[in-house]
Amino acid sequence: MKYYLAPMEGITGYIYRNAYHRYFEDFDKYFLPFIAPHTNRSYNARERNDLLPEHNEGMSAVPQILTNHAGDFLRTAGDLQAMGYTEVNLNLGCPSGTVVAKGRGSGFLDEPQKLDEFFERIFEKATVQISVKTRVGKDSPAVFEELLDIFNKYPIKELIVHPRIQKDFYKNTPRMDCFETAVEKSRNPLCYNGDLFTAQDYENFHKAFPTIEYVMLGRGVIANPGLLGEIKSGQKVSNERLREFHDRLYCDYRTLFGDDRNALFKMKEVWSYLAGLFEDSSGYAKKIKKSGNHMQYKTAVDALFQDCRLR
């Protein structure tokens, strides 16, 4: 089995990836948060930092591109290839309303003919391998078989399927009947993504789909950075290792931003997932969320690690 880290905008940037890579079980691939190319501008600071090879040392990193314009995709893919990347990923899964309104991400799934024309052009011209991360439709999964017919026409390196529609966002349950259809009909290698939060979730999935050799983990890893190790060996994360990871992550954010405000903003976003890993942590998590400076934050975090046991 191969395991991939999902791209999560605002969380899994290079600071997070490097801290994770140092302390926890290594992923076979790390998918980078998307780049949204624009004809008249270069990469912004966040994108440049995420893409720099020296910020991804020791990892198999895959940049993700969010666009519905073939020319922009090909230009960006060429730039990334020149930087040393051998694979790029097309984002057909982002459910954000602002993205979908522009016909990008999962919004592109609502225009199968344009998507087919887009694929025809990029696969004709690109010299880098292309994988695709997709949902099963925008408004309804009824379009998914038509989408699979389009995907099957092209040499997609891997088709990563998150079996929700755009309107689901991350609510409801994954539509596993759609994934079953993909297993039956896809001519491209399949990777599953969606609601694998625990080692038991993974075991249940593996029993249901024993032929699938690739899975992508996202929110489950942010909520429990030891998840992949637990899946592989049954060994749960220790309080000490989690604290080391936290301290490295926080220190690196403080160094990057040069101020506590932005570093705390990033850490609070991580804690919105991570706090659930501890028993009876809600009161401590509230204090972390309300902290306005380094000392308040450190005091709240120290108390949580000291008083709350891991689940």
Protein backbone atom coordinates (compact mmCIF):
# COMPACT_ATOMS: atom_id res chain seq x y z
CA MET A 1 0.00 0.00 0.00
CA LYS A 2 1.13 3.54 -0.78
CA TYR A 3 0.06 6.43 1.44
CA TYR A 4 -0.29 10.06 0.39
CA LEU A 5 -0.73 13.27 2.40
CA ALA A 6 -3.61 15.34 1.07
CA PRO A 7 -3.10 19.02 0.30
CA MET A 8 -4.95 21.22 2.78
CA GLU A 9 -4.90 24.92 2.02
CA GLY A 10 -3.58 26.96 4.92
CA ILE A 11 -2.31 23.95 6.88
CA THR A 12 -0.04 21.56 4.98
CA GLY A 13 2.46 24.14 3.74
CA TYR A 14 6.17 23.46 3.85
CA ILE A 15 6.51 24.41 7.52
CA TYR A 16 3.96 21.79 8.52
CA ARG A 17 5.28 19.16 6.08
CA ASN A 18 8.84 19.48 7.35
CA ALA A 19 7.82 19.25 11.00
CA TYR A 20 5.66 16.23 10.24
CA HIS A 21 8.40 14.61 8.15
CA ARG A 22 10.88 14.91 11.01
CA TYR A 23 8.76 13.32 13.74
CA PHE A 24 6.29 10.91 12.15
CA GLU A 25 5.90 8.06 9.69
CA ASP A 26 6.88 9.15 6.21
CA PHE A 27 4.33 9.41 3.41
CA ASP A 28 5.08 8.02 -0.04
CA LYS A 29 3.94 11.33 -1.53
CA TYR A 30 3.19 14.77 -0.13
CA PHE A 31 0.72 16.71 -2.27
CA LEU A 32 1.28 20.47 -2.04
CA PRO A 33 -1.59 22.94 -1.57
CA PHE A 34 -2.79 24.18 -4.92
CA ILE A 35 -1.30 26.85 -7.14
CA ALA A 36 -3.88 28.96 -8.98
CA PRO A 37 -1.99 30.24 -12.05
CA HIS A 38 -2.72 33.63 -13.55
CA THR A 39 -1.41 34.83 -16.88
CA ASN A 40 -0.16 38.20 -15.61
CA ARG A 41 1.55 37.31 -12.35
CA SER A 42 4.30 35.08 -11.01
CA TYR A 43 4.12 32.91 -7.91
CA ASN A 44 3.36 34.64 -4.65
CA ALA A 45 5.61 34.24 -1.60
CA ARG A 46 3.59 31.34 -0.16
CA GLU A 47 3.69 29.46 -3.45
CA ARG A 48 7.43 30.06 -4.00
CA ASN A 49 8.28 28.84 -0.51
CA ASP A 50 6.13 25.76 -0.90
CA LEU A 51 7.76 24.88 -4.21
CA LEU A 52 11.43 25.45 -3.39
CA PRO A 53 13.25 22.10 -3.63
CA GLU A 54 15.20 22.89 -0.45
CA HIS A 55 11.89 23.12 1.42
CA ASN A 56 10.93 19.60 0.33
CA GLU A 57 14.16 17.69 0.90
CA GLY A 58 13.73 14.00 1.54
CA MET A 59 10.08 14.05 0.46
CA SER A 60 8.38 12.98 -2.74
CA ALA A 61 6.46 16.23 -3.28
CA VAL A 62 3.75 16.73 -5.91
CA PRO A 63 2.55 20.28 -6.74
CA GLN A 64 -1.15 20.75 -7.38
CA ILE A 65 -2.55 23.10 -10.02
CA LEU A 66 -6.02 24.69 -9.86
CA THR A 67 -7.18 25.97 -13.24
CA ASN A 68 -9.64 25.39 -16.09
CA HIS A 69 -7.38 27.02 -18.69
CA ALA A 70 -5.16 24.59 -20.60
CA GLY A 71 -2.57 27.22 -21.48
CA ASP A 72 -2.13 28.23 -17.84
CA PHE A 73 -1.86 24.59 -16.81
CA LEU A 74 0.78 23.82 -19.43
CA ARG A 75 2.82 26.92 -18.61
CA THR A 76 2.76 26.16 -14.89
CA ALA A 77 3.48 22.47 -15.41
CA GLY A 78 6.49 23.45 -17.54
CA ASP A 79 7.77 25.77 -14.82
CA LEU A 80 7.41 23.03 -12.23
CA GLN A 81 9.13 20.48 -14.42
CA ALA A 82 12.05 22.89 -14.83
CA MET A 83 12.27 23.01 -11.02
CA GLY A 84 12.71 19.24 -10.95
CA TYR A 85 9.17 18.01 -10.38
CA THR A 86 8.23 14.90 -12.38
CA GLU A 87 4.52 14.88 -11.53
CA VAL A 88 1.84 17.55 -11.19
CA ASN A 89 -1.70 17.11 -9.92
CA LEU A 90 -4.84 18.70 -11.33
CA ASN A 91 -7.32 19.88 -8.69
CA LEU A 92 -10.89 18.92 -9.63
CA GLY A 93 -11.96 18.60 -6.02
CA CYS A 94 -11.87 21.99 -4.29
CA PRO A 95 -15.46 22.77 -3.14
CA SER A 96 -14.89 26.44 -2.23
CA GLY A 97 -17.68 28.66 -3.50
CA THR A 98 -15.30 31.29 -4.88
CA VAL A 99 -13.35 28.60 -6.77
CA VAL A 100 -16.45 26.86 -8.09
CA ALA A 101 -17.98 30.17 -9.24
CA LYS A 102 -15.03 30.52 -11.64
CA GLY A 103 -15.56 27.02 -13.03
CA ARG A 104 -12.45 25.65 -11.35
CA GLY A 105 -11.92 22.81 -8.87
CA SER A 106 -15.09 20.75 -8.52
CA GLY A 107 -16.90 23.45 -10.51
CA PHE A 108 -15.10 22.20 -13.63
CA LEU A 109 -16.92 18.85 -13.24
CA ASP A 110 -20.14 20.58 -14.29
CA GLU A 111 -18.78 21.11 -17.81
CA PRO A 112 -17.78 17.66 -19.12
CA GLN A 113 -17.28 18.76 -22.73
CA LYS A 114 -14.92 21.59 -21.74
CA LEU A 115 -13.13 19.25 -19.35
CA ASP A 116 -12.62 16.73 -22.15
CA GLU A 117 -11.22 19.44 -24.43
CA PHE A 118 -8.95 20.63 -21.60
CA PHE A 119 -7.63 17.10 -21.06
CA GLU A 120 -7.07 16.58 -24.77
CA ARG A 121 -4.86 19.64 -24.95
CA ILE A 122 -2.84 19.13 -21.76
CA PHE A 123 -2.16 15.45 -22.39
CA GLU A 124 -1.13 16.22 -25.96
CA LYS A 125 1.36 18.91 -24.93
CA ALA A 126 2.60 18.17 -21.41
CA THR A 127 5.84 16.25 -20.88
CA VAL A 128 5.37 15.82 -17.13
CA GLN A 129 3.22 13.11 -15.55
CA ILE A 130 -0.28 14.25 -14.61
CA SER A 131 -2.42 12.90 -11.79
CA VAL A 132 -5.95 14.08 -11.05
CA LYS A 133 -7.77 14.60 -7.73
CA THR A 134 -11.52 14.69 -8.27
CA ARG A 135 -14.90 14.66 -6.63
CA VAL A 136 -17.76 12.69 -8.19
CA GLY A 137 -19.73 15.68 -9.45
CA LYS A 138 -20.77 19.22 -8.67
CA ASP A 139 -24.49 19.05 -7.95
CA SER A 140 -25.16 15.34 -8.40
CA PRO A 141 -23.15 12.11 -8.62
CA ALA A 142 -25.21 11.13 -11.66
CA VAL A 143 -22.51 12.71 -13.86
CA PHE A 144 -19.72 10.56 -12.43
CA GLU A 145 -19.89 7.77 -15.01
CA GLU A 146 -19.65 10.35 -17.79
CA LEU A 147 -16.63 11.84 -16.03
CA LEU A 148 -15.05 8.39 -15.75
CA ASP A 149 -15.48 7.94 -19.49
CA ILE A 150 -13.52 11.16 -20.00
CA PHE A 151 -10.81 10.20 -17.50
CA ASN A 152 -10.45 6.79 -19.19
CA LYS A 153 -9.48 8.43 -22.47
CA TYR A 154 -6.24 9.81 -21.05
CA PRO A 155 -3.06 8.39 -19.45
CA ILE A 156 -3.66 9.76 -15.95
CA LYS A 157 -0.87 8.70 -13.63
CA GLU A 158 -3.31 8.27 -10.75
CA LEU A 159 -6.97 9.16 -10.34
CA ILE A 160 -7.53 10.25 -6.73
CA VAL A 161 -11.26 10.02 -5.96
CA HIS A 162 -12.91 11.83 -3.05
CA PRO A 163 -16.45 10.40 -3.38
CA ARG A 164 -18.42 13.48 -2.45
CA ILE A 165 -20.04 16.10 -4.67
CA GLN A 166 -19.16 19.77 -4.39
CA LYS A 167 -22.35 20.58 -2.48
CA ASP A 168 -21.42 18.06 0.21
CA PHE A 169 -18.27 20.03 1.06
CA TYR A 170 -16.99 17.74 3.87
CA LYS A 171 -20.38 16.88 5.33
CA ASN A 172 -22.53 13.78 4.90
CA THR A 173 -20.77 10.51 4.22
CA PRO A 174 -18.61 9.57 1.23
CA ARG A 175 -20.62 8.07 -1.61
CA MET A 176 -18.98 4.67 -1.64
CA ASP A 177 -21.24 3.42 -4.44
CA CYS A 178 -19.50 5.95 -6.68
CA PHE A 179 -16.11 4.67 -5.61
CA GLU A 180 -17.29 1.12 -6.37
CA THR A 181 -18.16 2.34 -9.87
CA ALA A 182 -14.66 3.78 -10.21
CA VAL A 183 -13.14 0.46 -9.14
CA GLU A 184 -15.21 -1.35 -11.74
CA LYS A 185 -14.71 1.05 -14.64
CA SER A 186 -11.55 3.10 -14.22
CA ARG A 187 -8.69 2.27 -16.58
CA ASN A 188 -6.33 4.44 -14.56
CA PRO A 189 -4.73 3.57 -11.19
CA LEU A 190 -7.08 4.59 -8.37
CA CYS A 191 -6.37 6.28 -5.06
CA TYR A 192 -9.06 6.69 -2.39
CA ASN A 193 -9.49 9.84 -0.31
CA GLY A 194 -12.17 10.60 2.25
CA ASP A 195 -12.99 10.20 5.96
CA LEU A 196 -10.11 7.92 6.98
CA PHE A 197 -9.79 9.31 10.50
CA THR A 198 -8.66 6.23 12.43
CA ALA A 199 -6.71 3.03 11.89
CA GLN A 200 -10.05 1.19 12.11
CA ASP A 201 -11.46 3.37 9.32
CA TYR A 202 -8.51 2.34 7.19
CA GLU A 203 -8.95 -1.36 8.04
CA ASN A 204 -12.64 -1.19 7.13
CA PHE A 205 -11.81 0.45 3.82
CA HIS A 206 -9.07 -2.06 3.03
CA LYS A 207 -11.41 -4.99 3.70
CA ALA A 208 -14.06 -3.47 1.43
CA PHE A 209 -11.60 -2.61 -1.37
CA PRO A 210 -8.63 -5.00 -1.08
CA THR A 211 -7.42 -4.30 -4.64
CA ILE A 212 -6.87 -0.56 -4.04
CA GLU A 213 -3.17 0.10 -3.49
CA TYR A 214 -3.20 3.86 -2.86
CA VAL A 215 -4.91 5.92 -0.15
CA MET A 216 -4.73 9.62 0.66
CA LEU A 217 -5.05 10.88 4.22
CA GLY A 218 -5.92 14.47 5.07
CA ARG A 219 -7.96 15.72 8.01
CA GLY A 220 -7.31 12.47 9.89
CA VAL A 221 -3.57 13.19 9.93
CA ILE A 222 -3.99 16.80 11.05
CA ALA A 223 -6.19 15.53 13.90
CA ASN A 224 -3.71 12.73 14.71
CA PRO A 225 -0.21 13.10 13.22
CA GLY A 226 0.54 9.57 14.43
CA LEU A 227 -2.25 8.07 12.31
CA LEU A 228 -0.05 6.64 9.57
CA GLY A 229 2.26 4.99 12.09
CA GLU A 230 -0.76 3.51 13.83
CA ILE A 231 -2.08 2.16 10.53
CA LYS A 232 1.26 0.59 9.65
CA SER A 233 2.38 -0.79 12.99
CA GLY A 234 -0.44 -0.38 15.50
CA GLN A 235 1.78 1.91 17.56
CA LYS A 236 -0.05 4.98 18.85
CA VAL A 237 1.58 8.38 19.10
CA SER A 238 3.09 9.32 22.46
CA ASN A 239 2.48 12.54 24.35
CA GLU A 240 6.23 13.25 24.23
CA ARG A 241 6.50 12.87 20.44
CA LEU A 242 3.44 15.01 19.89
CA ARG A 243 4.89 17.73 22.12
CA GLU A 244 8.19 17.68 20.21
CA PHE A 245 6.30 18.02 16.94
CA HIS A 246 4.19 20.87 18.32
CA ASP A 247 7.19 22.77 19.61
CA ARG A 248 9.07 22.44 16.32
CA LEU A 249 6.02 23.55 14.35
CA TYR A 250 5.37 26.57 16.59
CA CYS A 251 9.03 27.60 16.61
CA ASP A 252 9.25 27.41 12.83
CA TYR A 253 6.10 29.50 12.40
CA ARG A 254 7.45 32.14 14.80
CA THR A 255 10.71 32.22 12.85
CA LEU A 256 8.90 32.46 9.52
CA PHE A 257 6.54 35.27 10.49
CA GLY A 258 8.73 37.13 12.97
CA ASP A 259 5.73 37.82 15.18
CA ASP A 260 3.40 35.92 17.48
CA ARG A 261 0.13 37.01 15.90
CA ASN A 262 0.50 35.10 12.64
CA ALA A 263 2.21 32.15 14.30
CA LEU A 264 -0.66 31.85 16.77
CA PHE A 265 -3.19 32.05 13.95
CA LYS A 266 -1.54 29.07 12.27
CA MET A 267 -1.26 27.06 15.48
CA LYS A 268 -4.88 27.69 16.45
CA GLU A 269 -5.94 26.31 13.09
CA VAL A 270 -3.94 23.15 13.78
CA TRP A 271 -5.41 22.90 17.29
CA SER A 272 -8.95 23.04 15.87
CA TYR A 273 -8.20 19.51 14.64
CA LEU A 274 -5.60 18.34 17.16
CA ALA A 275 -7.45 19.09 20.41
CA GLY A 276 -9.82 16.18 19.82
CA LEU A 277 -6.91 13.77 20.24
CA PHE A 278 -6.88 14.54 23.99
CA GLU A 279 -9.44 13.54 26.60
CA ASP A 280 -11.40 16.30 28.37
CA SER A 281 -9.60 18.98 26.39
CA SER A 282 -12.43 21.37 25.51
CA GLY A 283 -11.69 23.88 28.29
CA TYR A 284 -7.99 23.86 27.52
CA ALA A 285 -8.67 24.23 23.81
CA LYS A 286 -10.79 27.32 24.52
CA LYS A 287 -7.89 28.90 26.39
CA ILE A 288 -5.57 28.13 23.48
CA LYS A 289 -8.07 29.70 21.09
CA LYS A 290 -8.39 32.84 23.24
CA SER A 291 -4.65 33.30 23.80
CA GLY A 292 -3.41 36.61 22.42
CA ASN A 293 0.33 36.38 22.95
CA HIS A 294 3.16 33.91 23.34
CA MET A 295 2.98 33.56 27.13
CA GLN A 296 -0.78 33.03 27.19
CA TYR A 297 -0.49 30.46 24.43
CA LYS A 298 2.44 28.62 26.04
CA THR A 299 0.68 28.47 29.41
CA ALA A 300 -2.48 27.04 27.82
CA VAL A 301 -0.57 24.47 25.79
CA ASP A 302 1.58 23.42 28.76
CA ALA A 303 -1.54 22.84 30.81
CA LEU A 304 -3.19 20.74 28.11
CA PHE A 305 -0.18 18.50 27.60
CA GLN A 306 0.24 18.11 31.37
CA ASP A 307 -3.40 17.51 32.36
CA CYS A 308 -5.03 15.77 29.35
CA ARG A 309 -4.36 12.20 28.37
CA LEU A 310 -4.30 11.09 24.77
CA ARG A 311 -7.37 9.17 23.70
